[in-house]
């Protein structure tokens, strides 16, 4: 005897129709806001002449990495190569998508991670949700993003935020929980308020762990923006997609190389943000 088929698909379609009917105004507002952010950031990056921006990024890497001249030189050479390959505009769009997505993901993940570290109930509720988010194939995130926001950079940002958020949330939660109990007792003994204890004790001690989450968030955001080229997100990911469709090995390799250069630069910057005294704790 065959069991009756559960109407899972129909239920999801009904939910989507309900959201579009009653929350369409909210989706339109979110779409307009995100489009404004990413377009504005891209225009700012493109407004600065490429040689000047390359110099600024090189100086930033040199300063953040505590005067690592070799890494700064590699950064400059990598960015000059991107410029030479005529991929600068596409790289700036990819960078704008990554920065926008990362900022939004961290704005959600870090406060939630702090709240989860303080509440066992919230932590228990978030754990299966994060497990689900991290085991779900990345392509699946594109489906609801396209349904609610159409094609373009906005659904790419939405999908990227959801995909990149879990590591930052988990590591923020872990970092706060790993603060030694002795430090908490000392802070309580001095009569600190919960806010003072958070900003003057817990967050500074947990900063290396939190920055590891930020680093993972940025790397996942960069990888997802490439996948999001399938739903109309421009940038280097679209160049890779076109190279695959045309079986153009050279085009795909050049765009992929540019992505690797950007990933290495962002990785080195975030890994060296924490001062040495923080790392030794």
C-alpha atoms as a PDB file:
ATOM      1  CA  UNK A   1       0.000   0.000   0.000  1.00  0.00           C
ATOM      2  CA  UNK A   2       1.452   3.328  -1.054  1.00  0.00           C
ATOM      3  CA  UNK A   3       1.552   6.043   1.534  1.00  0.00           C
ATOM      4  CA  UNK A   4      -0.041   9.363   0.579  1.00  0.00           C
ATOM      5  CA  UNK A   5       2.461  11.936  -0.661  1.00  0.00           C
ATOM      6  CA  UNK A   6       3.048  14.820   1.700  1.00  0.00           C
ATOM      7  CA  UNK A   7       2.370  18.179   0.011  1.00  0.00           C
ATOM      8  CA  UNK A   8       5.736  19.695   0.951  1.00  0.00           C
ATOM      9  CA  UNK A   9       6.232  21.464  -2.369  1.00  0.00           C
ATOM     10  CA  UNK A  10       2.726  22.886  -2.361  1.00  0.00           C
ATOM     11  CA  UNK A  11       3.180  24.171   1.185  1.00  0.00           C
ATOM     12  CA  UNK A  12       6.412  25.940   0.233  1.00  0.00           C
ATOM     13  CA  UNK A  13       4.750  27.517  -2.809  1.00  0.00           C
ATOM     14  CA  UNK A  14       1.887  28.730  -0.639  1.00  0.00           C
ATOM     15  CA  UNK A  15       4.361  30.240   1.822  1.00  0.00           C
ATOM     16  CA  UNK A  16       6.241  32.006  -0.971  1.00  0.00           C
ATOM     17  CA  UNK A  17       2.988  33.395  -2.399  1.00  0.00           C
ATOM     18  CA  UNK A  18       1.970  34.648   1.058  1.00  0.00           C
ATOM     19  CA  UNK A  19       5.328  36.376   1.603  1.00  0.00           C
ATOM     20  CA  UNK A  20       5.213  38.026  -1.825  1.00  0.00           C
ATOM     21  CA  UNK A  21       1.652  39.247  -1.256  1.00  0.00           C
ATOM     22  CA  UNK A  22       1.976  40.611   2.274  1.00  0.00           C
ATOM     23  CA  UNK A  23       5.698  41.392   2.529  1.00  0.00           C
ATOM     24  CA  UNK A  24       6.377  42.616  -0.993  1.00  0.00           C
ATOM     25  CA  UNK A  25       6.923  46.170   0.226  1.00  0.00           C
ATOM     26  CA  UNK A  26       9.601  44.952   2.651  1.00  0.00           C
ATOM     27  CA  UNK A  27      11.367  42.918  -0.037  1.00  0.00           C
ATOM     28  CA  UNK A  28      11.327  45.928  -2.366  1.00  0.00           C
ATOM     29  CA  UNK A  29      12.846  48.111   0.366  1.00  0.00           C
ATOM     30  CA  UNK A  30      15.578  45.583   1.114  1.00  0.00           C
ATOM     31  CA  UNK A  31      16.329  45.230  -2.586  1.00  0.00           C
ATOM     32  CA  UNK A  32      16.600  48.991  -3.091  1.00  0.00           C
ATOM     33  CA  UNK A  33      18.814  49.406  -0.026  1.00  0.00           C
ATOM     34  CA  UNK A  34      21.227  46.624  -0.981  1.00  0.00           C
ATOM     35  CA  UNK A  35      21.426  47.810  -4.578  1.00  0.00           C
ATOM     36  CA  UNK A  36      22.253  51.306  -3.353  1.00  0.00           C
ATOM     37  CA  UNK A  37      25.001  49.973  -1.063  1.00  0.00           C
ATOM     38  CA  UNK A  38      26.749  47.747  -3.586  1.00  0.00           C
ATOM     39  CA  UNK A  39      26.421  50.220  -6.482  1.00  0.00           C
ATOM     40  CA  UNK A  40      27.683  53.067  -4.295  1.00  0.00           C
ATOM     41  CA  UNK A  41      30.651  51.055  -3.041  1.00  0.00           C
ATOM     42  CA  UNK A  42      31.545  49.983  -6.559  1.00  0.00           C
ATOM     43  CA  UNK A  43      31.393  53.577  -7.804  1.00  0.00           C
ATOM     44  CA  UNK A  44      33.679  54.689  -4.966  1.00  0.00           C
ATOM     45  CA  UNK A  45      36.212  51.948  -5.767  1.00  0.00           C
ATOM     46  CA  UNK A  46      36.136  52.779  -9.479  1.00  0.00           C
ATOM     47  CA  UNK A  47      36.299  56.520  -8.820  1.00  0.00           C
ATOM     48  CA  UNK A  48      39.781  56.110  -7.382  1.00  0.00           C
ATOM     49  CA  UNK A  49      42.351  55.620 -10.181  1.00  0.00           C
ATOM     50  CA  UNK A  50      43.682  52.072 -10.209  1.00  0.00           C
ATOM     51  CA  UNK A  51      47.351  52.989  -9.483  1.00  0.00           C
ATOM     52  CA  UNK A  52      46.349  55.068  -6.471  1.00  0.00           C
ATOM     53  CA  UNK A  53      44.048  52.349  -5.100  1.00  0.00           C
ATOM     54  CA  UNK A  54      46.771  49.741  -5.600  1.00  0.00           C
ATOM     55  CA  UNK A  55      49.161  51.960  -3.640  1.00  0.00           C
ATOM     56  CA  UNK A  56      46.606  52.474  -0.853  1.00  0.00           C
ATOM     57  CA  UNK A  57      45.894  48.750  -0.548  1.00  0.00           C
ATOM     58  CA  UNK A  58      49.623  47.963  -0.549  1.00  0.00           C
ATOM     59  CA  UNK A  59      50.238  50.467   2.244  1.00  0.00           C
ATOM     60  CA  UNK A  60      47.291  49.011   4.184  1.00  0.00           C
ATOM     61  CA  UNK A  61      48.699  45.486   3.867  1.00  0.00           C
ATOM     62  CA  UNK A  62      52.162  46.722   4.887  1.00  0.00           C
ATOM     63  CA  UNK A  63      50.746  48.496   7.933  1.00  0.00           C
ATOM     64  CA  UNK A  64      48.360  45.727   9.049  1.00  0.00           C
ATOM     65  CA  UNK A  65      50.987  42.994   8.647  1.00  0.00           C
ATOM     66  CA  UNK A  66      53.391  45.035  10.783  1.00  0.00           C
ATOM     67  CA  UNK A  67      55.748  46.133   7.993  1.00  0.00           C
ATOM     68  CA  UNK A  68      55.920  42.875   6.064  1.00  0.00           C
ATOM     69  CA  UNK A  69      57.627  44.257   2.976  1.00  0.00           C
ATOM     70  CA  UNK A  70      57.532  40.971   1.040  1.00  0.00           C
ATOM     71  CA  UNK A  71      53.784  40.553   1.472  1.00  0.00           C
ATOM     72  CA  UNK A  72      53.198  44.192   0.535  1.00  0.00           C
ATOM     73  CA  UNK A  73      55.276  43.726  -2.622  1.00  0.00           C
ATOM     74  CA  UNK A  74      53.363  40.553  -3.551  1.00  0.00           C
ATOM     75  CA  UNK A  75      50.103  42.456  -2.997  1.00  0.00           C
ATOM     76  CA  UNK A  76      51.190  45.269  -5.303  1.00  0.00           C
ATOM     77  CA  UNK A  77      52.332  42.833  -8.004  1.00  0.00           C
ATOM     78  CA  UNK A  78      49.094  40.848  -7.772  1.00  0.00           C
ATOM     79  CA  UNK A  79      46.916  43.943  -8.116  1.00  0.00           C
ATOM     80  CA  UNK A  80      49.048  45.248 -10.975  1.00  0.00           C
ATOM     81  CA  UNK A  81      48.549  41.916 -12.723  1.00  0.00           C
ATOM     82  CA  UNK A  82      44.762  42.224 -12.342  1.00  0.00           C
ATOM     83  CA  UNK A  83      44.938  45.724 -13.806  1.00  0.00           C
ATOM     84  CA  UNK A  84      47.151  44.531 -16.663  1.00  0.00           C
ATOM     85  CA  UNK A  85      44.680  41.749 -17.531  1.00  0.00           C
ATOM     86  CA  UNK A  86      41.889  44.356 -17.902  1.00  0.00           C
ATOM     87  CA  UNK A  87      39.969  42.764 -15.017  1.00  0.00           C
ATOM     88  CA  UNK A  88      40.073  45.769 -12.703  1.00  0.00           C
ATOM     89  CA  UNK A  89      36.433  46.858 -13.088  1.00  0.00           C
ATOM     90  CA  UNK A  90      35.155  43.299 -12.643  1.00  0.00           C
ATOM     91  CA  UNK A  91      37.413  42.871  -9.611  1.00  0.00           C
ATOM     92  CA  UNK A  92      36.042  46.017  -8.007  1.00  0.00           C
ATOM     93  CA  UNK A  93      32.474  44.746  -8.479  1.00  0.00           C
ATOM     94  CA  UNK A  94      33.436  41.432  -6.895  1.00  0.00           C
ATOM     95  CA  UNK A  95      35.145  43.278  -4.034  1.00  0.00           C
ATOM     96  CA  UNK A  96      32.066  45.475  -3.538  1.00  0.00           C
ATOM     97  CA  UNK A  97      29.834  42.390  -3.368  1.00  0.00           C
ATOM     98  CA  UNK A  98      32.168  40.699  -0.878  1.00  0.00           C
ATOM     99  CA  UNK A  99      32.487  43.757   1.372  1.00  0.00           C
ATOM    100  CA  UNK A 100      28.747  44.434   1.387  1.00  0.00           C
ATOM    101  CA  UNK A 101      27.880  40.795   2.076  1.00  0.00           C
ATOM    102  CA  UNK A 102      30.517  40.464   4.791  1.00  0.00           C
ATOM    103  CA  UNK A 103      29.416  43.597   6.625  1.00  0.00           C
ATOM    104  CA  UNK A 104      25.783  42.459   6.620  1.00  0.00           C
ATOM    105  CA  UNK A 105      26.708  38.914   7.669  1.00  0.00           C
ATOM    106  CA  UNK A 106      28.874  40.139  10.560  1.00  0.00           C
ATOM    107  CA  UNK A 107      26.227  42.650  11.648  1.00  0.00           C
ATOM    108  CA  UNK A 108      23.915  39.676  12.177  1.00  0.00           C
ATOM    109  CA  UNK A 109      26.393  37.002  13.271  1.00  0.00           C
ATOM    110  CA  UNK A 110      28.410  38.798  15.960  1.00  0.00           C
ATOM    111  CA  UNK A 111      25.451  40.097  18.050  1.00  0.00           C
ATOM    112  CA  UNK A 112      23.730  36.699  17.723  1.00  0.00           C
ATOM    113  CA  UNK A 113      26.950  34.953  18.740  1.00  0.00           C
ATOM    114  CA  UNK A 114      27.266  37.146  21.830  1.00  0.00           C
ATOM    115  CA  UNK A 115      23.619  36.529  22.735  1.00  0.00           C
ATOM    116  CA  UNK A 116      24.044  32.764  22.234  1.00  0.00           C
ATOM    117  CA  UNK A 117      27.089  32.765  24.522  1.00  0.00           C
ATOM    118  CA  UNK A 118      24.965  34.344  27.237  1.00  0.00           C
ATOM    119  CA  UNK A 119      21.864  32.189  26.790  1.00  0.00           C
ATOM    120  CA  UNK A 120      21.897  28.393  26.736  1.00  0.00           C
ATOM    121  CA  UNK A 121      18.342  28.397  25.384  1.00  0.00           C
ATOM    122  CA  UNK A 122      19.274  30.526  22.384  1.00  0.00           C
ATOM    123  CA  UNK A 123      22.452  28.517  21.872  1.00  0.00           C
ATOM    124  CA  UNK A 124      20.498  25.258  21.814  1.00  0.00           C
ATOM    125  CA  UNK A 125      17.993  26.739  19.369  1.00  0.00           C
ATOM    126  CA  UNK A 126      20.664  28.103  17.029  1.00  0.00           C
ATOM    127  CA  UNK A 127      22.815  24.974  16.905  1.00  0.00           C
ATOM    128  CA  UNK A 128      20.550  22.863  14.632  1.00  0.00           C
ATOM    129  CA  UNK A 129      19.819  25.906  12.473  1.00  0.00           C
ATOM    130  CA  UNK A 130      23.543  26.512  11.946  1.00  0.00           C
ATOM    131  CA  UNK A 131      24.130  22.816  11.259  1.00  0.00           C
ATOM    132  CA  UNK A 132      21.394  22.947   8.629  1.00  0.00           C
ATOM    133  CA  UNK A 133      22.819  26.111   7.057  1.00  0.00           C
ATOM    134  CA  UNK A 134      26.347  24.710   6.850  1.00  0.00           C
ATOM    135  CA  UNK A 135      25.366  21.325   5.412  1.00  0.00           C
ATOM    136  CA  UNK A 136      22.995  22.734   2.808  1.00  0.00           C
ATOM    137  CA  UNK A 137      24.603  22.847  -0.671  1.00  0.00           C
ATOM    138  CA  UNK A 138      25.520  26.400  -1.591  1.00  0.00           C
ATOM    139  CA  UNK A 139      23.519  26.299  -4.831  1.00  0.00           C
ATOM    140  CA  UNK A 140      20.299  25.797  -2.851  1.00  0.00           C
ATOM    141  CA  UNK A 141      20.591  29.287  -1.358  1.00  0.00           C
ATOM    142  CA  UNK A 142      20.199  30.743  -4.829  1.00  0.00           C
ATOM    143  CA  UNK A 143      16.640  29.435  -5.207  1.00  0.00           C
ATOM    144  CA  UNK A 144      14.829  31.507  -2.524  1.00  0.00           C
ATOM    145  CA  UNK A 145      17.036  34.503  -3.305  1.00  0.00           C
ATOM    146  CA  UNK A 146      15.915  34.450  -6.950  1.00  0.00           C
ATOM    147  CA  UNK A 147      12.271  33.843  -6.011  1.00  0.00           C
ATOM    148  CA  UNK A 148      12.074  36.875  -3.734  1.00  0.00           C
ATOM    149  CA  UNK A 149      14.566  39.273  -5.339  1.00  0.00           C
ATOM    150  CA  UNK A 150      14.837  38.257  -9.004  1.00  0.00           C
ATOM    151  CA  UNK A 151      18.183  38.276 -10.790  1.00  0.00           C
ATOM    152  CA  UNK A 152      21.202  40.493 -10.213  1.00  0.00           C
ATOM    153  CA  UNK A 153      23.461  41.587  -7.379  1.00  0.00           C
ATOM    154  CA  UNK A 154      20.768  41.786  -4.671  1.00  0.00           C
ATOM    155  CA  UNK A 155      19.869  38.056  -4.570  1.00  0.00           C
ATOM    156  CA  UNK A 156      23.604  37.327  -4.749  1.00  0.00           C
ATOM    157  CA  UNK A 157      24.159  39.386  -1.600  1.00  0.00           C
ATOM    158  CA  UNK A 158      21.240  37.740   0.207  1.00  0.00           C
ATOM    159  CA  UNK A 159      22.461  34.227  -0.641  1.00  0.00           C
ATOM    160  CA  UNK A 160      26.031  35.157   0.305  1.00  0.00           C
ATOM    161  CA  UNK A 161      25.006  36.577   3.684  1.00  0.00           C
ATOM    162  CA  UNK A 162      23.120  33.402   4.593  1.00  0.00           C
ATOM    163  CA  UNK A 163      25.944  31.171   3.364  1.00  0.00           C
ATOM    164  CA  UNK A 164      28.810  33.082   5.032  1.00  0.00           C
ATOM    165  CA  UNK A 165      27.189  33.894   8.379  1.00  0.00           C
ATOM    166  CA  UNK A 166      27.403  30.567  10.353  1.00  0.00           C
ATOM    167  CA  UNK A 167      31.205  30.429  10.926  1.00  0.00           C
ATOM    168  CA  UNK A 168      31.313  33.970  12.289  1.00  0.00           C
ATOM    169  CA  UNK A 169      28.364  33.242  14.589  1.00  0.00           C
ATOM    170  CA  UNK A 170      29.833  29.970  15.860  1.00  0.00           C
ATOM    171  CA  UNK A 171      33.299  31.376  16.515  1.00  0.00           C
ATOM    172  CA  UNK A 172      31.942  34.485  18.241  1.00  0.00           C
ATOM    173  CA  UNK A 173      29.915  32.224  20.523  1.00  0.00           C
ATOM    174  CA  UNK A 174      32.950  29.999  21.112  1.00  0.00           C
ATOM    175  CA  UNK A 175      35.295  32.917  21.788  1.00  0.00           C
ATOM    176  CA  UNK A 176      33.013  34.439  24.433  1.00  0.00           C
ATOM    177  CA  UNK A 177      32.525  31.056  26.119  1.00  0.00           C
ATOM    178  CA  UNK A 178      36.279  30.415  26.225  1.00  0.00           C
ATOM    179  CA  UNK A 179      37.037  33.535  28.266  1.00  0.00           C
ATOM    180  CA  UNK A 180      38.667  32.250  31.503  1.00  0.00           C
ATOM    181  CA  UNK A 181      36.312  32.165  34.464  1.00  0.00           C
ATOM    182  CA  UNK A 182      38.935  33.876  36.621  1.00  0.00           C
ATOM    183  CA  UNK A 183      38.744  37.007  34.484  1.00  0.00           C
ATOM    184  CA  UNK A 184      34.957  37.036  34.772  1.00  0.00           C
ATOM    185  CA  UNK A 185      35.205  36.668  38.559  1.00  0.00           C
ATOM    186  CA  UNK A 186      37.696  39.531  38.781  1.00  0.00           C
ATOM    187  CA  UNK A 187      35.444  41.729  36.652  1.00  0.00           C
ATOM    188  CA  UNK A 188      32.460  40.883  38.870  1.00  0.00           C
ATOM    189  CA  UNK A 189      34.516  41.618  41.966  1.00  0.00           C
ATOM    190  CA  UNK A 190      35.258  45.106  40.677  1.00  0.00           C
ATOM    191  CA  UNK A 191      31.537  45.690  40.159  1.00  0.00           C
ATOM    192  CA  UNK A 192      31.522  45.962  36.373  1.00  0.00           C
ATOM    193  CA  UNK A 193      28.214  46.134  34.584  1.00  0.00           C
ATOM    194  CA  UNK A 194      27.372  43.459  31.987  1.00  0.00           C
ATOM    195  CA  UNK A 195      28.121  45.971  29.212  1.00  0.00           C
ATOM    196  CA  UNK A 196      31.503  46.885  30.710  1.00  0.00           C
ATOM    197  CA  UNK A 197      32.353  43.218  31.207  1.00  0.00           C
ATOM    198  CA  UNK A 198      31.501  42.489  27.573  1.00  0.00           C
ATOM    199  CA  UNK A 199      33.457  45.328  25.979  1.00  0.00           C
ATOM    200  CA  UNK A 200      36.416  45.487  28.373  1.00  0.00           C
ATOM    201  CA  UNK A 201      36.949  41.810  29.221  1.00  0.00           C
ATOM    202  CA  UNK A 202      35.121  39.289  27.056  1.00  0.00           C
ATOM    203  CA  UNK A 203      35.436  40.832  23.589  1.00  0.00           C
ATOM    204  CA  UNK A 204      39.151  41.775  23.904  1.00  0.00           C
ATOM    205  CA  UNK A 205      40.067  38.278  25.113  1.00  0.00           C
ATOM    206  CA  UNK A 206      37.860  36.579  22.504  1.00  0.00           C
ATOM    207  CA  UNK A 207      39.072  38.836  19.665  1.00  0.00           C
ATOM    208  CA  UNK A 208      41.478  36.309  18.041  1.00  0.00           C
ATOM    209  CA  UNK A 209      38.715  33.691  17.849  1.00  0.00           C
ATOM    210  CA  UNK A 210      36.197  36.240  16.571  1.00  0.00           C
ATOM    211  CA  UNK A 211      38.644  37.407  13.896  1.00  0.00           C
ATOM    212  CA  UNK A 212      39.072  33.801  12.771  1.00  0.00           C
ATOM    213  CA  UNK A 213      35.315  33.791  12.215  1.00  0.00           C
ATOM    214  CA  UNK A 214      35.543  37.076  10.307  1.00  0.00           C
ATOM    215  CA  UNK A 215      38.259  35.577   8.115  1.00  0.00           C
ATOM    216  CA  UNK A 216      36.135  32.520   7.340  1.00  0.00           C
ATOM    217  CA  UNK A 217      33.138  34.744   6.643  1.00  0.00           C
ATOM    218  CA  UNK A 218      35.104  36.751   4.076  1.00  0.00           C
ATOM    219  CA  UNK A 219      36.458  33.640   2.345  1.00  0.00           C
ATOM    220  CA  UNK A 220      32.996  32.061   2.125  1.00  0.00           C
ATOM    221  CA  UNK A 221      31.529  35.345   0.852  1.00  0.00           C
ATOM    222  CA  UNK A 222      34.133  35.457  -1.906  1.00  0.00           C
ATOM    223  CA  UNK A 223      33.456  31.861  -2.924  1.00  0.00           C
ATOM    224  CA  UNK A 224      29.690  32.424  -2.919  1.00  0.00           C
ATOM    225  CA  UNK A 225      29.868  35.539  -5.082  1.00  0.00           C
ATOM    226  CA  UNK A 226      31.483  33.364  -7.743  1.00  0.00           C
ATOM    227  CA  UNK A 227      28.660  30.806  -7.527  1.00  0.00           C
ATOM    228  CA  UNK A 228      26.112  33.642  -7.520  1.00  0.00           C
ATOM    229  CA  UNK A 229      27.194  34.566 -11.034  1.00  0.00           C
ATOM    230  CA  UNK A 230      24.644  31.926 -12.088  1.00  0.00           C
ATOM    231  CA  UNK A 231      21.832  34.271 -10.991  1.00  0.00           C
ATOM    232  CA  UNK A 232      23.124  37.398 -12.650  1.00  0.00           C
ATOM    233  CA  UNK A 233      25.737  38.678 -10.220  1.00  0.00           C
ATOM    234  CA  UNK A 234      28.488  40.321 -12.223  1.00  0.00           C
ATOM    235  CA  UNK A 235      32.155  40.514 -11.488  1.00  0.00           C
ATOM    236  CA  UNK A 236      34.877  37.919 -11.817  1.00  0.00           C
ATOM    237  CA  UNK A 237      32.479  35.061 -11.121  1.00  0.00           C
ATOM    238  CA  UNK A 238      30.543  35.892 -14.280  1.00  0.00           C
ATOM    239  CA  UNK A 239      33.815  35.943 -16.215  1.00  0.00           C
ATOM    240  CA  UNK A 240      34.571  32.438 -14.940  1.00  0.00           C
ATOM    241  CA  UNK A 241      31.064  31.299 -15.882  1.00  0.00           C
ATOM    242  CA  UNK A 242      31.418  32.691 -19.410  1.00  0.00           C
ATOM    243  CA  UNK A 243      34.784  30.977 -19.737  1.00  0.00           C
ATOM    244  CA  UNK A 244      33.193  27.653 -18.792  1.00  0.00           C
ATOM    245  CA  UNK A 245      30.291  28.122 -21.207  1.00  0.00           C
ATOM    246  CA  UNK A 246      32.613  28.998 -24.079  1.00  0.00           C
ATOM    247  CA  UNK A 247      35.251  26.448 -23.062  1.00  0.00           C
ATOM    248  CA  UNK A 248      37.638  29.405 -23.023  1.00  0.00           C
ATOM    249  CA  UNK A 249      40.424  28.166 -20.760  1.00  0.00           C
ATOM    250  CA  UNK A 250      42.374  31.410 -20.888  1.00  0.00           C
ATOM    251  CA  UNK A 251      39.431  33.612 -19.872  1.00  0.00           C
ATOM    252  CA  UNK A 252      38.439  31.320 -17.027  1.00  0.00           C
ATOM    253  CA  UNK A 253      42.005  30.991 -15.747  1.00  0.00           C
ATOM    254  CA  UNK A 254      42.648  34.746 -15.757  1.00  0.00           C
ATOM    255  CA  UNK A 255      39.427  35.466 -13.846  1.00  0.00           C
ATOM    256  CA  UNK A 256      40.156  32.624 -11.420  1.00  0.00           C
ATOM    257  CA  UNK A 257      43.675  33.960 -10.853  1.00  0.00           C
ATOM    258  CA  UNK A 258      42.253  37.397 -10.045  1.00  0.00           C
ATOM    259  CA  UNK A 259      39.883  35.813  -7.523  1.00  0.00           C
ATOM    260  CA  UNK A 260      42.786  33.985  -5.873  1.00  0.00           C
ATOM    261  CA  UNK A 261      44.784  37.222  -5.606  1.00  0.00           C
ATOM    262  CA  UNK A 262      41.869  39.032  -3.960  1.00  0.00           C
ATOM    263  CA  UNK A 263      41.288  36.088  -1.610  1.00  0.00           C
ATOM    264  CA  UNK A 264      44.943  36.006  -0.508  1.00  0.00           C
ATOM    265  CA  UNK A 265      45.002  39.762   0.141  1.00  0.00           C
ATOM    266  CA  UNK A 266      41.793  39.702   2.183  1.00  0.00           C
ATOM    267  CA  UNK A 267      42.979  36.613   4.067  1.00  0.00           C
ATOM    268  CA  UNK A 268      46.303  38.181   5.043  1.00  0.00           C
ATOM    269  CA  UNK A 269      44.681  41.436   6.131  1.00  0.00           C
ATOM    270  CA  UNK A 270      42.144  39.752   8.426  1.00  0.00           C
ATOM    271  CA  UNK A 271      44.718  37.329   9.855  1.00  0.00           C
ATOM    272  CA  UNK A 272      46.958  40.191  10.955  1.00  0.00           C
ATOM    273  CA  UNK A 273      44.389  42.609  12.364  1.00  0.00           C
ATOM    274  CA  UNK A 274      44.774  41.263  15.924  1.00  0.00           C
ATOM    275  CA  UNK A 275      47.797  42.829  17.690  1.00  0.00           C
ATOM    276  CA  UNK A 276      50.567  40.503  18.908  1.00  0.00           C
ATOM    277  CA  UNK A 277      49.640  40.979  22.574  1.00  0.00           C
ATOM    278  CA  UNK A 278      46.145  39.701  21.796  1.00  0.00           C
ATOM    279  CA  UNK A 279      47.500  36.609  20.070  1.00  0.00           C
ATOM    280  CA  UNK A 280      49.690  35.707  23.038  1.00  0.00           C
ATOM    281  CA  UNK A 281      46.815  35.568  25.477  1.00  0.00           C
END
